[in-house]
Amino acid sequence: MQGDSIVNKTATGLTFLSGGSALNPLAAKMADAGLHATHIISAFDNGGSSRWLRNAFNCIAIGDIRNRLCAMSGYGQLPVSPSILELFRKRLPDNKPQPVIRDIVCALANGTSDLLTVIPTEIRSDITNAFSVLYKNVPQNFDWRHGSIGNFLLVGRFLLSKDWTSTLEWAHNILGTVGRVIPVSTTNAHLGAELVNGRYVLGQDKLTDQQHPIESPIKLMRLHPNDRAYAGSVRAVPYPPALHAINNASAIVYSWGSFYTSILPAFLVKGISEVVMSSDVPRILLLNPFRDAELLGMSSTDVVLKLNTYSHVAHGLSAGKAVTHLIALRPSIISKTTFYNESSLSEMERNGVEVHTVDCDGLPQTKQIDIIIKLLLKCAGFNLDD
């Protein structure tokens, strides 16, 4: 499954702060090329099956981690059964009665499911054990509809081990992942935002709702113990491997994606801003190509200023820049929905940010992704001419 390598089997040291699926094509391309990177994922989502799992087991949101694992899987040196990756990507039906769906899960838990017949024998017991403990411990009213089997497997495995490190190590191994995918924190917390108009929005699902977008720009972000009341706050602690990855990075990359719910949450975790800002490596922003609902009223300059604000909380006015490099996608036609702005980029260059542009209409495709990977490696100090 190997593609044309940009650099063959290289530990790049690139460390991405991200969430969601926006970076998945680039992550998959790097994995296919043998480029090892670390992806630190925000784990505070409360939508989809993550909501039911978090409510039932007081755990982190695993969906975006599972999604990135799948994007980077199947490219390792050891042969990996495509059936395992397919199972991790599969969802339960959403158009059948709950008893019927529970029967599907029960069959996965007791090893009689047709879905398991193509799974390698040495992995099958791990999967049935994970489903068994999950099935035995979920509340009676648990909503299985359209739930991700990969999410269920990871949470079931965590219930067995009581340890996210061994759970994720198991997933990396059976999926043949090239690179690492880890949460920024394993603290159970939920996102909340105070809007400029004074209204408070609680829960990532509300902040990213495209059908009912927020009506006012975001003023301040916080973490809360649940998504039902915003009176209390949570001091999330960093996941130690995340701190290690940032400390040992060749470059720190703020990914494409929903800015306030994917990238900025890392700076709400105690200690993350300290290690990011104490590092002397490039800090690179992949500027979103489009303006999403969360970026209401903001320019690309505002995004950089907001990163500076949140990263400087623990450092005062003497801290350096949160963004030293920026990669922007330059469309052939500028419209209201694009986030590209020449004057904003020029302003950032005057303020010492190294700006790179890549011609691209819409979302980046293979050609643009190749260029961006090479730019990231160059910024991180790799000599691509060797």
Protein backbone atom coordinates (compact mmCIF):
# COMPACT_ATOMS: atom_id res chain seq x y z
CA MET A 1 0.00 0.00 0.00
CA GLN A 2 3.04 2.25 -0.18
CA GLY A 3 2.84 5.40 -2.27
CA ASP A 4 5.67 7.50 -3.71
CA SER A 5 7.72 8.53 -0.69
CA ILE A 6 8.67 12.17 -0.23
CA VAL A 7 11.09 11.01 2.46
CA ASN A 8 11.47 7.29 3.04
CA LYS A 9 10.60 6.01 6.55
CA THR A 10 11.45 9.23 8.38
CA ALA A 11 10.67 10.29 11.93
CA THR A 12 9.83 13.90 11.14
CA GLY A 13 9.23 15.24 14.65
CA LEU A 14 6.26 17.18 13.30
CA THR A 15 3.66 17.54 16.06
CA PHE A 16 0.15 18.56 15.02
CA LEU A 17 -2.40 20.16 17.34
CA SER A 18 -5.76 19.36 15.82
CA GLY A 19 -9.10 17.61 15.93
CA GLY A 20 -11.85 16.56 13.56
CA SER A 21 -11.25 15.31 10.04
CA ALA A 22 -9.83 18.32 8.18
CA LEU A 23 -6.23 17.10 8.43
CA ASN A 24 -6.98 13.46 7.59
CA PRO A 25 -5.97 13.60 3.88
CA LEU A 26 -2.60 15.15 4.78
CA ALA A 27 -2.13 12.68 7.66
CA ALA A 28 -2.90 9.77 5.34
CA LYS A 29 -0.47 11.05 2.70
CA MET A 30 2.31 11.37 5.28
CA ALA A 31 1.63 7.85 6.55
CA ASP A 32 1.68 6.47 3.00
CA ALA A 33 5.04 8.17 2.44
CA GLY A 34 6.48 6.68 5.64
CA LEU A 35 6.61 10.06 7.40
CA HIS A 36 6.11 9.58 11.14
CA ALA A 37 4.42 12.49 12.94
CA THR A 38 2.51 12.93 16.19
CA HIS A 39 -1.10 14.10 16.17
CA ILE A 40 -2.37 15.59 19.44
CA ILE A 41 -6.16 15.62 19.33
CA SER A 42 -8.69 17.67 21.27
CA ALA A 43 -10.93 15.13 23.05
CA PHE A 44 -13.74 17.34 24.35
CA ASP A 45 -16.41 16.63 21.71
CA ASN A 46 -19.93 15.80 22.89
CA GLY A 47 -21.68 14.95 19.63
CA GLY A 48 -22.76 11.65 18.06
CA SER A 49 -21.99 8.40 19.85
CA SER A 50 -19.30 10.23 21.84
CA ARG A 51 -22.07 11.87 23.88
CA TRP A 52 -23.54 8.52 24.95
CA LEU A 53 -20.15 7.00 25.70
CA ARG A 54 -19.02 10.03 27.69
CA ASN A 55 -22.24 10.13 29.70
CA ALA A 56 -22.06 6.40 30.42
CA PHE A 57 -18.38 6.11 31.33
CA ASN A 58 -17.22 9.63 32.25
CA CYS A 59 -14.49 9.40 29.61
CA ILE A 60 -12.93 11.53 26.90
CA ALA A 61 -14.37 11.82 23.40
CA ILE A 62 -12.67 9.15 21.33
CA GLY A 63 -14.23 9.79 17.89
CA ASP A 64 -11.67 12.20 16.44
CA ILE A 65 -8.80 10.05 17.74
CA ARG A 66 -10.30 6.96 16.12
CA ASN A 67 -10.86 8.91 12.90
CA ARG A 68 -7.21 10.02 12.71
CA LEU A 69 -5.96 6.53 13.59
CA CYS A 70 -7.93 5.13 10.67
CA ALA A 71 -6.60 7.82 8.31
CA MET A 72 -2.99 6.86 9.16
CA SER A 73 -3.48 3.08 9.27
CA GLY A 74 -2.59 0.22 6.96
CA TYR A 75 0.76 1.71 5.89
CA GLY A 76 3.06 0.07 8.45
CA GLN A 77 5.81 -2.47 7.79
CA LEU A 78 3.82 -5.33 9.33
CA PRO A 79 0.91 -6.67 7.26
CA VAL A 80 -2.42 -5.46 8.62
CA SER A 81 -5.72 -7.09 7.80
CA PRO A 82 -7.97 -4.61 5.95
CA SER A 83 -10.86 -6.22 7.83
CA ILE A 84 -9.69 -4.66 11.12
CA LEU A 85 -9.58 -1.17 9.62
CA GLU A 86 -12.98 -1.74 8.00
CA LEU A 87 -14.42 -2.77 11.38
CA PHE A 88 -13.01 0.37 13.05
CA ARG A 89 -14.66 2.50 10.38
CA LYS A 90 -18.01 0.73 10.40
CA ARG A 91 -21.12 2.15 12.06
CA LEU A 92 -24.15 0.41 13.46
CA PRO A 93 -27.48 0.94 11.63
CA ASP A 94 -29.48 4.08 12.36
CA ASN A 95 -32.76 2.87 10.83
CA LYS A 96 -33.46 -0.24 12.93
CA PRO A 97 -35.16 -0.64 16.33
CA GLN A 98 -32.91 -0.54 19.37
CA PRO A 99 -33.48 -4.23 20.26
CA VAL A 100 -32.26 -5.25 16.80
CA ILE A 101 -29.14 -3.11 17.14
CA ARG A 102 -28.50 -4.44 20.65
CA ASP A 103 -28.59 -7.95 19.17
CA ILE A 104 -25.86 -6.92 16.71
CA VAL A 105 -23.73 -5.66 19.59
CA CYS A 106 -24.46 -8.77 21.65
CA ALA A 107 -23.22 -10.93 18.77
CA LEU A 108 -20.00 -8.90 18.65
CA ALA A 109 -19.62 -9.36 22.40
CA ASN A 110 -20.11 -13.15 22.37
CA GLY A 111 -18.10 -13.77 19.20
CA THR A 112 -20.94 -14.95 16.95
CA SER A 113 -21.17 -11.88 14.69
CA ASP A 114 -20.60 -12.33 10.96
CA LEU A 115 -18.46 -9.17 11.17
CA LEU A 116 -15.84 -11.17 13.06
CA THR A 117 -15.41 -14.04 10.60
CA VAL A 118 -12.87 -12.10 8.52
CA ILE A 119 -10.97 -10.74 11.54
CA PRO A 120 -7.63 -12.51 12.18
CA THR A 121 -7.96 -15.10 14.93
CA GLU A 122 -5.27 -13.54 17.13
CA ILE A 123 -7.20 -10.23 17.26
CA ARG A 124 -10.74 -11.62 17.48
CA SER A 125 -10.67 -12.33 21.23
CA ASP A 126 -9.42 -8.78 21.95
CA ILE A 127 -12.39 -7.39 20.03
CA THR A 128 -14.99 -9.64 21.65
CA ASN A 129 -13.59 -8.93 25.13
CA ALA A 130 -13.78 -5.17 24.52
CA PHE A 131 -17.36 -5.42 23.28
CA SER A 132 -18.31 -7.75 26.12
CA VAL A 133 -17.24 -5.40 28.90
CA LEU A 134 -18.85 -2.46 27.11
CA TYR A 135 -22.13 -4.33 26.59
CA LYS A 136 -22.27 -5.43 30.22
CA ASN A 137 -21.72 -1.94 31.60
CA VAL A 138 -23.74 0.41 29.38
CA PRO A 139 -26.98 1.85 30.81
CA GLN A 140 -30.20 0.18 29.68
CA ASN A 141 -31.24 3.26 27.70
CA PHE A 142 -27.91 3.55 25.83
CA ASP A 143 -28.51 4.67 22.24
CA TRP A 144 -26.52 2.39 19.91
CA ARG A 145 -27.96 3.85 16.68
CA HIS A 146 -25.36 4.91 14.11
CA GLY A 147 -22.66 4.39 16.74
CA SER A 148 -19.08 3.92 15.59
CA ILE A 149 -17.82 0.38 16.17
CA GLY A 150 -14.28 1.76 16.42
CA ASN A 151 -15.36 4.13 19.20
CA PHE A 152 -17.03 1.26 21.05
CA LEU A 153 -13.92 -0.90 20.69
CA LEU A 154 -11.59 1.77 22.06
CA VAL A 155 -13.80 2.60 25.03
CA GLY A 156 -14.35 -1.12 25.74
CA ARG A 157 -10.60 -1.70 25.64
CA PHE A 158 -10.15 1.24 28.05
CA LEU A 159 -12.71 -0.27 30.42
CA LEU A 160 -10.62 -3.45 30.47
CA SER A 161 -7.24 -1.79 31.00
CA LYS A 162 -8.26 1.41 32.84
CA ASP A 163 -5.41 3.03 30.93
CA TRP A 164 -5.52 5.14 27.78
CA THR A 165 -1.83 4.60 27.00
CA SER A 166 -2.13 0.82 26.68
CA THR A 167 -5.48 1.19 24.90
CA LEU A 168 -4.02 3.47 22.23
CA GLU A 169 -0.88 1.36 21.93
CA TRP A 170 -3.08 -1.65 21.19
CA ALA A 171 -4.99 0.31 18.53
CA HIS A 172 -1.81 1.58 16.87
CA ASN A 173 -0.44 -1.94 16.71
CA ILE A 174 -3.45 -3.76 15.27
CA LEU A 175 -4.14 -0.97 12.75
CA GLY A 176 -0.54 -0.60 11.56
CA THR A 177 -0.57 3.15 12.14
CA VAL A 178 2.38 5.17 10.83
CA GLY A 179 2.89 7.91 13.40
CA ARG A 180 1.17 8.51 16.74
CA VAL A 181 -2.32 9.74 17.64
CA ILE A 182 -2.88 10.86 21.24
CA PRO A 183 -5.30 13.09 23.18
CA VAL A 184 -4.16 16.46 24.51
CA SER A 185 -5.73 15.51 27.85
CA THR A 186 -7.59 12.56 29.35
CA THR A 187 -9.52 14.86 31.70
CA ASN A 188 -13.25 14.52 31.13
CA ALA A 189 -14.20 18.08 30.16
CA HIS A 190 -16.57 19.94 27.85
CA LEU A 191 -16.13 23.12 25.84
CA GLY A 192 -18.06 26.27 26.56
CA ALA A 193 -17.88 29.73 24.98
CA GLU A 194 -18.95 33.20 26.04
CA LEU A 195 -20.11 35.18 23.00
CA VAL A 196 -19.53 38.89 22.48
CA ASN A 197 -23.28 39.49 22.88
CA GLY A 198 -23.16 37.96 26.38
CA ARG A 199 -24.78 34.61 25.63
CA TYR A 200 -23.04 31.45 26.82
CA VAL A 201 -22.91 28.38 24.56
CA LEU A 202 -22.13 25.05 26.20
CA GLY A 203 -21.00 21.97 24.30
CA GLN A 204 -18.90 21.51 21.15
CA ASP A 205 -21.94 20.29 19.24
CA LYS A 206 -23.63 23.66 19.77
CA LEU A 207 -20.55 25.63 18.73
CA THR A 208 -20.13 23.70 15.48
CA ASP A 209 -23.83 23.39 14.57
CA GLN A 210 -24.07 24.40 10.90
CA GLN A 211 -27.88 24.37 10.98
CA HIS A 212 -28.02 26.83 13.88
CA PRO A 213 -24.70 28.72 13.81
CA ILE A 214 -23.69 31.05 16.62
CA GLU A 215 -25.04 34.56 16.09
CA SER A 216 -22.17 36.47 17.70
CA PRO A 217 -18.36 36.15 17.71
CA ILE A 218 -16.71 34.09 20.44
CA LYS A 219 -15.21 36.17 23.23
CA LEU A 220 -13.81 33.55 25.61
CA MET A 221 -13.46 29.74 25.81
CA ARG A 222 -13.57 27.61 28.96
CA LEU A 223 -13.68 23.94 29.99
CA HIS A 224 -16.55 22.58 32.10
CA PRO A 225 -17.20 19.29 33.95
CA ASN A 226 -20.27 18.50 31.82
CA ASP A 227 -22.37 19.90 28.96
CA ARG A 228 -25.44 20.60 31.08
CA ALA A 229 -24.34 23.50 33.33
CA TYR A 230 -21.68 26.13 32.77
CA ALA A 231 -21.40 27.41 36.36
CA GLY A 232 -18.36 25.23 37.16
CA SER A 233 -15.04 24.99 35.37
CA VAL A 234 -12.43 22.27 34.94
CA ARG A 235 -8.66 22.53 35.16
CA ALA A 236 -7.72 19.89 32.61
CA VAL A 237 -4.29 18.31 32.99
CA PRO A 238 -2.19 17.35 29.98
CA TYR A 239 -1.72 13.79 28.83
CA PRO A 240 2.02 13.18 29.55
CA PRO A 241 2.83 11.77 26.07
CA ALA A 242 1.41 15.01 24.60
CA LEU A 243 3.83 17.10 26.65
CA HIS A 244 6.67 14.78 25.61
CA ALA A 245 5.76 15.10 21.92
CA ILE A 246 5.68 18.90 22.07
CA ASN A 247 8.94 19.05 24.01
CA ASN A 248 10.65 16.88 21.38
CA ALA A 249 9.01 18.34 18.27
CA SER A 250 10.93 19.60 15.26
CA ALA A 251 7.95 21.87 14.54
CA ILE A 252 4.54 22.46 16.14
CA VAL A 253 1.72 22.66 13.60
CA TYR A 254 -1.73 24.15 14.25
CA SER A 255 -3.91 22.17 11.90
CA TRP A 256 -6.72 23.06 9.58
CA GLY A 257 -10.07 22.52 11.24
CA SER A 258 -12.58 24.26 13.46
CA PHE A 259 -10.33 26.79 15.17
CA TYR A 260 -12.14 27.21 18.48
CA THR A 261 -13.10 23.56 18.97
CA SER A 262 -10.12 21.74 17.43
CA ILE A 263 -6.95 23.85 17.82
CA LEU A 264 -7.54 26.36 20.61
CA PRO A 265 -8.71 23.78 23.21
CA ALA A 266 -5.11 22.60 23.58
CA PHE A 267 -4.31 25.94 25.22
CA LEU A 268 -7.11 25.44 27.73
CA VAL A 269 -5.17 22.47 29.14
CA LYS A 270 -2.79 23.27 31.98
CA GLY A 271 0.86 23.22 30.89
CA ILE A 272 0.38 23.06 27.13
CA SER A 273 1.00 26.77 26.50
CA GLU A 274 4.13 26.57 28.66
CA VAL A 275 5.75 23.81 26.61
CA VAL A 276 4.64 25.30 23.29
CA MET A 277 5.97 28.76 24.08
CA SER A 278 9.18 27.55 25.71
CA SER A 279 10.07 25.60 22.58
CA ASP A 280 12.39 27.26 20.07
CA VAL A 281 11.09 25.26 17.09
CA PRO A 282 8.87 26.70 14.35
CA ARG A 283 5.19 27.09 15.25
CA ILE A 284 3.27 26.77 12.00
CA LEU A 285 -0.37 27.69 11.35
CA LEU A 286 -2.18 25.95 8.49
CA LEU A 287 -4.71 28.66 7.74
CA ASN A 288 -8.24 27.45 7.12
CA PRO A 289 -9.29 27.85 3.47
CA PHE A 290 -12.88 28.73 4.43
CA ARG A 291 -14.55 30.81 7.11
CA ASP A 292 -16.58 28.48 9.33
CA ALA A 293 -19.30 29.48 11.79
CA GLU A 294 -16.86 29.65 14.71
CA LEU A 295 -14.78 32.32 12.93
CA LEU A 296 -17.65 34.78 12.74
CA GLY A 297 -16.27 38.32 12.51
CA MET A 298 -12.62 37.19 12.44
CA SER A 299 -9.82 37.70 9.93
CA SER A 300 -6.72 35.54 9.57
CA THR A 301 -4.84 38.17 11.60
CA ASP A 302 -7.38 37.74 14.39
CA VAL A 303 -6.73 33.99 14.44
CA VAL A 304 -3.03 34.60 15.03
CA LEU A 305 -3.78 37.23 17.69
CA LYS A 306 -6.15 34.82 19.45
CA LEU A 307 -3.47 32.11 19.50
CA ASN A 308 -1.06 34.66 20.98
CA THR A 309 -3.60 35.65 23.63
CA TYR A 310 -4.29 32.10 24.82
CA SER A 311 -0.68 30.94 24.64
CA HIS A 312 0.65 33.97 26.54
CA VAL A 313 -1.59 33.54 29.60
CA ALA A 314 1.16 31.81 31.55
CA HIS A 315 4.04 33.87 30.15
CA GLY A 316 3.19 37.54 30.26
CA LEU A 317 4.20 40.13 27.69
CA SER A 318 7.77 38.84 27.29
CA ALA A 319 6.74 35.61 25.57
CA GLY A 320 7.51 35.00 21.92
CA LYS A 321 5.08 34.55 19.05
CA ALA A 322 2.64 31.66 19.12
CA VAL A 323 2.89 31.60 15.30
CA THR A 324 6.24 31.91 13.55
CA HIS A 325 5.22 30.47 10.17
CA LEU A 326 1.95 30.41 8.25
CA ILE A 327 0.82 28.38 5.24
CA ALA A 328 -2.21 29.79 3.44
CA LEU A 329 -4.20 28.38 0.53
CA ARG A 330 -4.57 31.04 -2.19
CA PRO A 331 -7.74 30.68 -4.32
CA SER A 332 -7.91 32.02 -7.87
CA ILE A 333 -11.10 33.91 -6.97
CA ILE A 334 -11.58 35.57 -3.58
CA SER A 335 -15.12 35.28 -2.22
CA LYS A 336 -16.90 35.96 1.08
CA THR A 337 -16.49 32.34 2.14
CA THR A 338 -12.71 32.18 1.66
CA PHE A 339 -10.37 33.06 4.51
CA TYR A 340 -7.51 34.23 2.33
CA ASN A 341 -6.70 37.95 2.61
CA GLU A 342 -3.58 39.54 1.13
CA SER A 343 -3.56 42.53 3.48
CA SER A 344 -3.81 40.31 6.57
CA LEU A 345 -0.94 38.15 5.35
CA SER A 346 1.17 41.22 4.58
CA GLU A 347 0.50 42.54 8.06
CA MET A 348 1.66 39.27 9.59
CA GLU A 349 4.81 39.32 7.47
CA ARG A 350 5.58 42.82 8.77
CA ASN A 351 5.20 41.41 12.27
CA GLY A 352 7.82 38.75 11.62
CA VAL A 353 5.69 35.75 10.60
CA GLU A 354 7.14 33.77 7.68
CA VAL A 355 4.23 33.41 5.23
CA HIS A 356 3.94 30.76 2.52
CA THR A 357 1.07 30.53 0.02
CA VAL A 358 -0.10 27.55 -2.02
CA ASP A 359 -2.40 28.01 -5.01
CA CYS A 360 -5.55 26.05 -4.26
CA ASP A 361 -9.24 26.35 -5.11
CA GLY A 362 -11.36 24.64 -2.47
CA LEU A 363 -9.99 21.95 -0.20
CA PRO A 364 -6.38 20.87 -0.84
CA GLN A 365 -6.00 17.91 -3.15
CA THR A 366 -3.05 15.55 -3.65
CA LYS A 367 -0.89 18.10 -5.50
CA GLN A 368 -1.36 20.81 -2.87
CA ILE A 369 -0.94 18.34 0.00
CA ASP A 370 2.43 17.24 -1.41
CA ILE A 371 3.56 20.87 -1.58
CA ILE A 372 2.36 21.57 1.96
CA ILE A 373 4.13 18.50 3.39
CA LYS A 374 7.37 19.61 1.76
CA LEU A 375 6.89 23.12 3.19
CA LEU A 376 6.31 21.68 6.66
CA LEU A 377 9.43 19.56 6.42
CA LYS A 378 11.48 22.49 5.15
CA CYS A 379 10.27 24.70 8.01
CA ALA A 380 11.19 21.88 10.41
CA GLY A 381 14.75 21.88 9.10
CA PHE A 382 14.77 18.88 6.77
CA ASN A 383 17.05 19.18 3.75
CA LEU A 384 14.85 17.79 0.97
CA ASP A 385 17.64 18.08 -1.60
CA ASP A 386 19.64 15.26 0.02
